[in-house]
Protein backbone atom coordinates (compact mmCIF):
# COMPACT_ATOMS: atom_id res chain seq x y z
CA UNK A 1 -0.01 0.01 0.01
CA UNK A 2 1.40 3.37 -1.00
CA UNK A 3 1.56 5.84 1.90
CA UNK A 4 2.29 9.56 1.73
CA UNK A 5 3.85 11.47 4.59
CA UNK A 6 1.90 14.68 5.15
CA UNK A 7 3.71 16.59 7.84
CA UNK A 8 6.87 16.71 9.91
CA UNK A 9 4.76 15.40 12.80
CA UNK A 10 4.39 12.24 10.78
CA UNK A 11 0.73 12.09 9.75
CA UNK A 12 0.29 9.69 6.83
CA UNK A 13 -2.27 9.24 4.07
CA UNK A 14 -3.02 6.23 1.81
CA UNK A 15 -2.53 7.23 -1.85
CA UNK A 16 -4.75 4.60 -3.48
CA UNK A 17 -8.29 4.70 -2.07
CA UNK A 18 -10.03 3.27 -5.16
CA UNK A 19 -11.63 0.39 -3.28
CA UNK A 20 -13.35 2.59 -0.74
CA UNK A 21 -16.95 3.57 -1.03
CA UNK A 22 -17.33 7.01 -2.67
CA UNK A 23 -18.58 9.67 -0.25
CA UNK A 24 -19.42 13.38 -0.58
CA UNK A 25 -17.31 13.98 2.55
CA UNK A 26 -14.63 11.25 2.75
CA UNK A 27 -13.73 9.40 5.92
CA UNK A 28 -10.67 11.11 7.40
CA UNK A 29 -7.98 8.42 6.90
CA UNK A 30 -4.95 10.43 7.91
CA UNK A 31 -3.18 8.46 10.64
CA UNK A 32 -2.29 11.31 12.99
CA UNK A 33 -2.81 9.75 16.47
CA UNK A 34 -3.29 11.87 19.57
CA UNK A 35 0.22 13.07 20.25
CA UNK A 36 1.91 16.41 19.74
CA UNK A 37 5.22 14.76 18.93
CA UNK A 38 4.89 11.11 17.95
CA UNK A 39 2.39 10.10 15.20
CA UNK A 40 0.21 7.09 15.89
CA UNK A 41 0.65 7.47 19.64
CA UNK A 42 -2.49 7.17 21.64
CA UNK A 43 -4.03 5.56 24.73
CA UNK A 44 -4.74 6.71 28.25
CA UNK A 45 -1.27 8.11 28.81
CA UNK A 46 -0.71 9.83 25.47
CA UNK A 47 0.36 13.48 25.74
CA UNK A 48 -2.08 14.67 23.10
CA UNK A 49 -4.85 17.10 22.49
CA UNK A 50 -7.02 18.18 25.39
CA UNK A 51 -10.54 19.57 25.30
CA UNK A 52 -11.48 23.16 26.08
CA UNK A 53 -14.34 23.61 28.58
CA UNK A 54 -16.32 26.70 27.64
CA UNK A 55 -19.89 28.03 27.28
CA UNK A 56 -20.44 27.02 23.65
CA UNK A 57 -20.84 23.35 24.60
CA UNK A 58 -23.45 22.41 27.19
CA UNK A 59 -22.37 20.75 30.35
CA UNK A 60 -25.60 18.91 31.02
CA UNK A 61 -27.30 18.63 34.44
CA UNK A 62 -24.93 15.89 35.74
CA UNK A 63 -21.67 17.54 34.71
CA UNK A 64 -20.57 18.58 38.19
CA UNK A 65 -21.66 15.21 39.63
CA UNK A 66 -19.50 13.38 37.08
CA UNK A 67 -16.59 15.58 38.12
CA UNK A 68 -17.30 14.71 41.71
CA UNK A 69 -17.26 11.02 40.76
CA UNK A 70 -13.75 11.36 39.26
CA UNK A 71 -14.33 11.85 35.52
CA UNK A 72 -11.07 12.98 33.96
CA UNK A 73 -11.77 12.73 30.18
CA UNK A 74 -14.58 14.03 28.02
CA UNK A 75 -15.61 14.17 24.37
CA UNK A 76 -18.42 16.12 22.86
CA UNK A 77 -21.72 14.37 21.88
CA UNK A 78 -24.84 16.18 20.75
CA UNK A 79 -23.15 19.44 21.70
CA UNK A 80 -22.87 18.32 25.35
CA UNK A 81 -19.69 17.26 27.17
CA UNK A 82 -19.68 13.50 27.33
CA UNK A 83 -17.83 11.62 30.16
CA UNK A 84 -15.45 9.02 28.72
CA UNK A 85 -13.29 7.89 31.63
CA UNK A 86 -13.46 7.85 35.47
CA UNK A 87 -10.97 5.26 36.73
CA UNK A 88 -7.37 6.49 36.35
CA UNK A 89 -4.91 4.51 34.24
CA UNK A 90 -2.76 3.72 37.22
CA UNK A 91 -5.82 2.14 38.91
CA UNK A 92 -6.79 -0.02 35.92
CA UNK A 93 -8.36 2.56 33.61
CA UNK A 94 -11.34 1.95 31.41
CA UNK A 95 -10.75 -1.80 31.42
CA UNK A 96 -11.30 -1.71 35.21
CA UNK A 97 -14.62 0.01 34.49
CA UNK A 98 -15.46 -3.10 32.33
CA UNK A 99 -15.16 -5.19 35.44
CA UNK A 100 -17.75 -3.15 37.35
CA UNK A 101 -20.05 -3.25 34.30
CA UNK A 102 -19.89 -6.97 33.83
CA UNK A 103 -19.66 -8.08 37.51
CA UNK A 104 -21.53 -5.49 39.56
CA UNK A 105 -23.66 -2.49 38.64
CA UNK A 106 -22.80 0.86 37.11
CA UNK A 107 -24.32 4.30 36.61
CA UNK A 108 -23.58 6.36 33.52
CA UNK A 109 -24.14 10.04 32.93
CA UNK A 110 -25.83 9.99 29.51
CA UNK A 111 -27.42 13.45 29.53
CA UNK A 112 -25.97 13.68 26.01
CA UNK A 113 -28.99 11.58 24.98
CA UNK A 114 -31.03 14.73 24.41
CA UNK A 115 -34.79 14.16 24.48
CA UNK A 116 -36.69 15.59 21.51
CA UNK A 117 -40.41 15.54 22.19
CA UNK A 118 -43.06 15.32 19.40
CA UNK A 119 -46.44 16.07 20.91
CA UNK A 120 -49.87 16.78 19.48
CA UNK A 121 -52.89 15.39 17.71
CA UNK A 122 -50.77 14.29 14.71
CA UNK A 123 -47.84 12.92 16.72
CA UNK A 124 -48.25 9.30 15.59
CA UNK A 125 -48.81 10.35 12.00
CA UNK A 126 -45.75 12.58 12.00
CA UNK A 127 -43.51 10.02 13.68
CA UNK A 128 -44.66 7.37 11.19
CA UNK A 129 -43.44 9.63 8.37
CA UNK A 130 -39.91 10.07 9.79
CA UNK A 131 -39.04 6.58 11.08
CA UNK A 132 -38.61 3.44 8.97
CA UNK A 133 -40.76 1.27 11.33
CA UNK A 134 -44.47 1.59 12.08
CA UNK A 135 -45.06 4.13 14.83
CA UNK A 136 -48.35 2.48 15.82
CA UNK A 137 -46.43 -0.67 16.77
CA UNK A 138 -44.96 1.27 19.68
CA UNK A 139 -47.77 1.27 22.19
CA UNK A 140 -48.20 3.73 25.05
CA UNK A 141 -45.61 3.15 27.82
CA UNK A 142 -43.36 1.20 25.43
CA UNK A 143 -40.12 2.09 23.70
CA UNK A 144 -38.44 0.99 20.51
CA UNK A 145 -35.09 1.21 18.85
CA UNK A 146 -35.67 3.06 15.56
CA UNK A 147 -33.78 4.74 12.70
CA UNK A 148 -34.51 7.85 10.80
CA UNK A 149 -33.25 8.26 7.25
CA UNK A 150 -32.98 11.18 4.84
CA UNK A 151 -34.40 11.22 1.29
CA UNK A 152 -31.24 9.47 0.02
CA UNK A 153 -31.57 6.56 2.48
CA UNK A 154 -28.74 7.75 4.73
CA UNK A 155 -29.09 7.16 8.45
CA UNK A 156 -29.68 10.45 10.32
CA UNK A 157 -30.00 8.97 13.83
CA UNK A 158 -30.72 5.71 15.60
CA UNK A 159 -32.44 6.73 18.83
CA UNK A 160 -34.47 4.87 21.38
CA UNK A 161 -38.01 6.15 20.88
CA UNK A 162 -40.25 6.36 23.95
CA UNK A 163 -44.04 6.77 23.92
CA UNK A 164 -45.14 7.98 27.38
CA UNK A 165 -48.53 9.17 26.15
CA UNK A 166 -50.75 8.46 23.16
CA UNK A 167 -50.01 11.86 21.66
CA UNK A 168 -46.39 12.09 22.78
CA UNK A 169 -43.14 10.52 21.54
CA UNK A 170 -39.57 11.13 22.76
CA UNK A 171 -36.50 10.56 20.59
CA UNK A 172 -33.57 9.74 22.94
CA UNK A 173 -30.89 10.80 20.51
CA UNK A 174 -27.59 9.34 19.34
CA UNK A 175 -25.03 11.84 18.17
CA UNK A 176 -26.78 14.04 15.63
CA UNK A 177 -29.02 17.05 16.01
CA UNK A 178 -32.41 15.64 15.05
CA UNK A 179 -34.45 18.52 16.52
CA UNK A 180 -33.59 20.80 13.59
CA UNK A 181 -34.36 18.10 11.02
CA UNK A 182 -37.75 17.31 12.54
CA UNK A 183 -38.71 20.93 12.81
CA UNK A 184 -37.67 21.45 9.18
CA UNK A 185 -39.75 18.50 7.99
CA UNK A 186 -42.83 19.83 9.80
CA UNK A 187 -42.30 23.33 8.40
CA UNK A 188 -43.41 21.73 5.11
CA UNK A 189 -45.69 18.93 6.41
CA UNK A 190 -47.57 21.35 8.72
CA UNK A 191 -48.93 18.66 11.02
CA UNK A 192 -50.54 19.43 14.35
CA UNK A 193 -47.46 18.75 16.56
CA UNK A 194 -44.97 20.69 18.60
CA UNK A 195 -41.33 19.59 18.33
CA UNK A 196 -38.92 20.68 21.03
CA UNK A 197 -36.19 19.47 23.30
CA UNK A 198 -37.41 18.96 26.85
CA UNK A 199 -35.58 19.18 30.20
CA UNK A 200 -35.38 15.42 30.69
CA UNK A 201 -31.98 13.76 31.10
CA UNK A 202 -31.25 10.07 31.57
CA UNK A 203 -28.71 8.01 33.47
CA UNK A 204 -28.13 4.39 32.60
CA UNK A 205 -28.01 1.64 35.20
CA UNK A 206 -26.17 -1.28 33.69
CA UNK A 207 -24.73 -4.55 35.01
CA UNK A 208 -25.75 -7.92 36.44
CA UNK A 209 -26.88 -6.35 39.76
CA UNK A 210 -28.98 -3.68 38.12
CA UNK A 211 -32.28 -5.49 38.78
CA UNK A 212 -31.45 -5.73 42.50
CA UNK A 213 -30.69 -2.00 42.67
CA UNK A 214 -33.78 -1.03 40.69
CA UNK A 215 -35.98 -3.26 42.82
CA UNK A 216 -34.66 -1.53 45.92
CA UNK A 217 -35.45 1.91 44.50
CA UNK A 218 -38.72 1.30 42.75
CA UNK A 219 -40.15 -1.87 44.32
CA UNK A 220 -41.21 -5.24 42.92
CA UNK A 221 -43.15 -3.60 40.13
CA UNK A 222 -39.95 -3.21 38.22
CA UNK A 223 -39.88 -7.01 37.72
CA UNK A 224 -42.87 -6.79 35.39
CA UNK A 225 -41.32 -4.23 33.01
CA UNK A 226 -40.52 -6.07 29.74
CA UNK A 227 -37.54 -5.38 27.51
CA UNK A 228 -38.16 -1.88 26.04
CA UNK A 229 -41.07 -1.36 28.44
CA UNK A 230 -41.56 1.85 30.37
CA UNK A 231 -42.58 2.55 33.98
CA UNK A 232 -43.17 5.75 35.95
CA UNK A 233 -41.53 6.24 39.33
CA UNK A 234 -39.89 8.61 41.73
CA UNK A 235 -36.38 8.92 43.15
CA UNK A 236 -36.27 11.05 46.35
CA UNK A 237 -39.62 12.49 45.38
CA UNK A 238 -38.56 13.42 41.81
CA UNK A 239 -40.56 12.14 38.81
CA UNK A 240 -38.83 9.78 36.39
CA UNK A 241 -39.60 7.35 33.63
CA UNK A 242 -37.75 4.10 33.52
CA UNK A 243 -36.96 2.23 30.32
CA UNK A 244 -35.63 -1.32 30.36
CA UNK A 245 -32.92 -0.68 27.80
CA UNK A 246 -29.28 0.32 27.51
CA UNK A 247 -26.07 0.52 25.52
CA UNK A 248 -24.29 -2.50 26.93
CA UNK A 249 -26.42 -5.66 26.43
CA UNK A 250 -25.84 -6.39 30.11
CA UNK A 251 -28.95 -6.32 32.29
CA UNK A 252 -29.92 -2.66 32.42
CA UNK A 253 -32.23 0.27 32.56
CA UNK A 254 -32.35 3.95 31.76
CA UNK A 255 -33.82 6.43 34.22
CA UNK A 256 -35.14 9.65 32.62
CA UNK A 257 -35.41 12.50 35.13
CA UNK A 258 -38.02 15.25 34.60
CA UNK A 259 -36.84 18.84 35.29
CA UNK A 260 -33.31 17.49 35.33
CA UNK A 261 -31.65 20.90 35.47
CA UNK A 262 -33.30 21.50 38.89
CA UNK A 263 -33.28 18.05 40.38
CA UNK A 264 -30.11 16.33 39.15
CA UNK A 265 -28.54 16.07 42.59
CA UNK A 266 -31.62 14.56 44.19
CA UNK A 267 -31.76 11.63 41.78
CA UNK A 268 -28.00 11.13 41.45
CA UNK A 269 -27.36 10.96 45.18
CA UNK A 270 -30.45 8.85 45.73
CA UNK A 271 -29.17 6.24 43.33
CA UNK A 272 -25.65 6.35 44.73
CA UNK A 273 -26.96 5.81 48.26
CA UNK A 274 -29.18 2.89 47.21
CA UNK A 275 -26.36 1.34 45.23
CA UNK A 276 -23.73 1.12 47.98
CA UNK A 277 -24.64 -2.42 49.01
CA UNK A 278 -24.41 -3.58 45.32
CA UNK A 279 -20.92 -2.08 44.75
CA UNK A 280 -22.33 0.60 42.40
CA UNK A 281 -19.68 2.50 40.47
CA UNK A 282 -20.08 5.58 38.26
CA UNK A 283 -18.33 4.80 34.95
CA UNK A 284 -18.33 5.95 31.34
CA UNK A 285 -20.59 4.29 28.74
CA UNK A 286 -18.94 0.93 28.09
CA UNK A 287 -17.80 1.00 24.46
CA UNK A 288 -15.77 -2.21 25.05
CA UNK A 289 -18.99 -3.98 26.00
CA UNK A 290 -21.20 -2.45 23.32
CA UNK A 291 -18.76 -3.59 20.62
CA UNK A 292 -18.86 -7.07 22.08
CA UNK A 293 -22.64 -6.89 21.93
CA UNK A 294 -22.78 -5.83 18.29
CA UNK A 295 -24.22 -2.39 19.18
CA UNK A 296 -23.39 0.36 16.72
CA UNK A 297 -22.34 3.97 17.45
CA UNK A 298 -23.63 6.74 15.17
CA UNK A 299 -20.78 8.87 13.90
CA UNK A 300 -18.31 5.96 13.96
CA UNK A 301 -20.04 2.89 12.54
CA UNK A 302 -22.63 4.77 10.52
CA UNK A 303 -23.71 8.26 9.55
CA UNK A 304 -25.86 10.11 7.01
CA UNK A 305 -23.86 8.67 4.07
CA UNK A 306 -24.41 5.06 5.23
CA UNK A 307 -27.66 3.21 4.56
CA UNK A 308 -29.31 0.55 6.79
CA UNK A 309 -28.41 -2.34 4.46
CA UNK A 310 -24.74 -1.61 4.78
CA UNK A 311 -24.67 -1.92 8.59
CA UNK A 312 -27.06 -4.83 9.31
CA UNK A 313 -30.08 -2.64 9.98
CA UNK A 314 -32.16 -3.66 6.99
CA UNK A 315 -34.60 -5.33 9.39
CA UNK A 316 -35.53 -1.82 10.56
CA UNK A 317 -36.96 -0.89 7.16
CA UNK A 318 -40.68 -1.74 6.81
CA UNK A 319 -41.65 -1.39 3.17
CA UNK A 320 -45.27 -2.36 3.98
CA UNK A 321 -45.73 1.18 5.30
CA UNK A 322 -47.57 3.50 2.89
CA UNK A 323 -44.86 6.16 2.99
CA UNK A 324 -41.89 7.43 5.02
CA UNK A 325 -38.90 9.64 4.26
CA UNK A 326 -36.30 7.68 2.36
CA UNK A 327 -38.58 4.81 1.30
CA UNK A 328 -38.06 5.22 -2.45
CA UNK A 329 -34.26 5.46 -2.12
CA UNK A 330 -34.10 2.52 0.25
CA UNK A 331 -36.22 0.35 -2.04
CA UNK A 332 -33.79 1.06 -4.87
CA UNK A 333 -30.79 0.31 -2.66
CA UNK A 334 -32.28 -3.01 -1.55
CA UNK A 335 -33.06 -3.99 -5.14
CA UNK A 336 -29.60 -3.12 -6.45
CA UNK A 337 -27.70 -4.38 -3.43
CA UNK A 338 -24.77 -2.67 -1.67
CA UNK A 339 -21.13 -2.54 -2.65
CA UNK A 340 -19.72 -2.16 0.88
CA UNK A 341 -20.73 -3.52 4.25
CA UNK A 342 -19.81 -3.34 7.93
CA UNK A 343 -18.52 -6.59 9.39
CA UNK A 344 -17.17 -7.86 12.67
CA UNK A 345 -13.46 -8.55 12.90
CA UNK A 346 -11.20 -10.26 15.38
CA UNK A 347 -7.69 -8.75 15.33
CA UNK A 348 -4.24 -9.51 16.68
CA UNK A 349 -1.88 -6.95 18.17
CA UNK A 350 -1.40 -5.63 21.66
CA UNK A 351 -4.46 -4.91 23.73
CA UNK A 352 -6.42 -1.82 22.61
CA UNK A 353 -7.59 -0.32 25.88
CA UNK A 354 -8.41 3.20 24.82
CA UNK A 355 -10.64 4.95 22.28
CA UNK A 356 -9.01 4.85 18.82
CA UNK A 357 -8.08 8.32 17.64
CA UNK A 358 -8.08 7.25 13.96
CA UNK A 359 -10.02 5.08 11.55
CA UNK A 360 -7.37 2.39 11.27
CA UNK A 361 -6.60 1.23 7.75
CA UNK A 362 -7.81 -2.22 6.68
CA UNK A 363 -5.79 -4.03 3.99
CA UNK A 364 -6.28 -7.21 1.97
CA UNK A 365 -4.67 -10.43 3.23
CA UNK A 366 -1.44 -9.72 1.33
CA UNK A 367 -1.19 -6.25 2.88
CA UNK A 368 -0.80 -4.55 -0.46
CA UNK A 369 -4.19 -2.81 -1.00
CA UNK A 370 -6.25 -0.51 1.18
CA UNK A 371 -9.75 -2.04 1.24
CA UNK A 372 -11.41 -0.22 4.10
CA UNK A 373 -11.16 1.08 7.62
CA UNK A 374 -11.94 0.15 11.23
CA UNK A 375 -14.87 2.07 12.64
CA UNK A 376 -14.76 0.79 16.25
CA UNK A 377 -12.12 -1.28 18.10
CA UNK A 378 -11.32 -2.45 21.63
CA UNK A 379 -9.85 -5.35 23.50
CA UNK A 380 -12.44 -7.98 24.53
CA UNK A 381 -11.72 -9.98 27.72
CA UNK A 382 -14.25 -12.62 26.64
CA UNK A 383 -12.67 -13.05 23.20
CA UNK A 384 -9.14 -12.61 24.54
CA UNK A 385 -8.31 -10.53 21.49
CA UNK A 386 -8.92 -7.16 19.92
CA UNK A 387 -12.27 -6.91 18.22
CA UNK A 388 -14.07 -4.30 16.14
CA UNK A 389 -16.02 -3.41 13.03
CA UNK A 390 -14.57 -2.90 9.56
CA UNK A 391 -16.25 -1.12 6.63
CA UNK A 392 -15.07 -2.91 3.52
CA UNK A 393 -16.24 -4.00 0.01
CA UNK A 394 -18.75 -6.88 0.26
CA UNK A 395 -16.25 -9.40 -1.17
CA UNK A 396 -14.02 -8.80 1.82
CA UNK A 397 -16.89 -8.94 4.32
CA UNK A 398 -17.61 -12.66 4.02
CA UNK A 399 -17.21 -14.73 7.20
CA UNK A 400 -13.71 -16.15 7.45
CA UNK A 401 -12.14 -13.55 5.16
CA UNK A 402 -8.53 -12.81 6.11
CA UNK A 403 -7.48 -9.15 6.40
CA UNK A 404 -4.72 -7.03 7.86
CA UNK A 405 -5.22 -3.98 10.10
CA UNK A 406 -2.59 -1.22 10.37
CA UNK A 407 -2.69 -0.60 14.13
CA UNK A 408 -0.53 2.15 15.63
CA UNK A 409 2.95 1.07 16.84
CA UNK A 410 1.78 1.27 20.46
CA UNK A 411 -0.59 -1.65 19.70
CA UNK A 412 1.93 -3.63 17.71
CA UNK A 413 1.64 -2.25 14.18
CA UNK A 414 0.30 -4.44 11.35
CA UNK A 415 -2.01 -7.13 12.74
CA UNK A 416 -3.75 -10.16 11.30
CA UNK A 417 -7.57 -10.02 11.27
CA UNK A 418 -10.47 -12.25 10.40
CA UNK A 419 -14.14 -11.50 9.65
CA UNK A 420 -16.32 -13.19 12.27
CA UNK A 421 -19.95 -13.30 13.43
CA UNK A 422 -21.35 -10.71 15.71
CA UNK A 423 -22.33 -10.28 18.46
CA UNK A 424 -18.98 -11.29 19.87
CA UNK A 425 -20.65 -11.86 23.27
CA UNK A 426 -24.28 -12.78 23.62
CA UNK A 427 -26.61 -10.27 25.31
CA UNK A 428 -27.81 -10.81 28.84
CA UNK A 429 -31.44 -10.13 27.89
CA UNK A 430 -32.99 -12.49 25.31
CA UNK A 431 -35.45 -9.76 24.46
CA UNK A 432 -32.92 -8.25 22.13
CA UNK A 433 -34.00 -10.68 19.42
CA UNK A 434 -30.47 -12.05 18.93
CA UNK A 435 -31.59 -15.39 20.26
CA UNK A 436 -33.58 -15.88 17.06
CA UNK A 437 -31.48 -13.98 14.50
CA UNK A 438 -28.11 -15.16 15.93
CA UNK A 439 -26.13 -12.56 13.99
CA UNK A 440 -26.22 -8.76 13.63
CA UNK A 441 -23.67 -8.19 10.87
């Protein structure tokens, strides 16, 4: 593979990108790492870029509480600062957080999941137009994982959608600003709905002891909440809605606090106090675990230039619906087939125990041609290897295909890789549907 050096700092760029999927805005494939001095250097101890905390990015209602819990690293998600690490590297780092998630119970500050409320007489009709599944199938006090596509079939967002009332839907967003899109759609559709962000912010309670903790807080009624079911409750007198869902595939829940800006401390401290006997730990969202579970992350594994059929989400598209945004484009894509696809890969190399700062290059088995890039990667304790997702031409995405991945030197450099089934680790809750489908990608 021909590589061009781009700067004295050592950033490199693959010259031949002919096998990559054409995009209007290309994936940034410069390998520049996170270091001021050494290219390709990254990880928890890299002396790289640091984030500015200022007024232009929202802190969210739990910001100060995350600081109190020891958060030392953030990214930006939905224009809100997003906690990404609590346990210090010298104490085991993010992989130590994995232990709490998979052995005990954890609380995550996920206020970045902004809640966009669609409310009014035409709420169901409007929602049915913008999602690819049937809105009516989501009954009152239920939730669903949904996707929204643009007119080209690109995925705009993949939120959890909650329906707390017959005339009210919440989109609990992944990392794109859906409020503007929905308001723009209705400026033309002119349906009888209001579309606004509301002051509701969730935390996630994830881990094998989550049911014990939730039962202590909310009583035995929580036992009757099905997967993606909702329940109303209170924490220290403050109103919440609980969803049996999460971003880990461990047993888990999300607790959505009303008037979160005012009452953040009440709920946060109430959960911490109740969780002491279960070894509750505040951690960052577990990307190591979500990769194991086959859960995708918008902005890494997909975006508005990626369609559902490329990333294993074709099951989300219901062509029996009369109409929805993107239907015509998606029907054409399904008929013609896709040229590129996301696939699960198991990789060699040294353990990846930090968020990748680059989309690592994926090469053919001989190592001579760039064929794609890694969208997500981490070390999996259950697989005892590095795992991740690769976006490659379909001929390289077949199970058993051999590839190479150009990892940074700190992770061992060029590594052997193989396309494997996902999820890498089965979900705790059979309600995810994976017990019947068996494979996500």
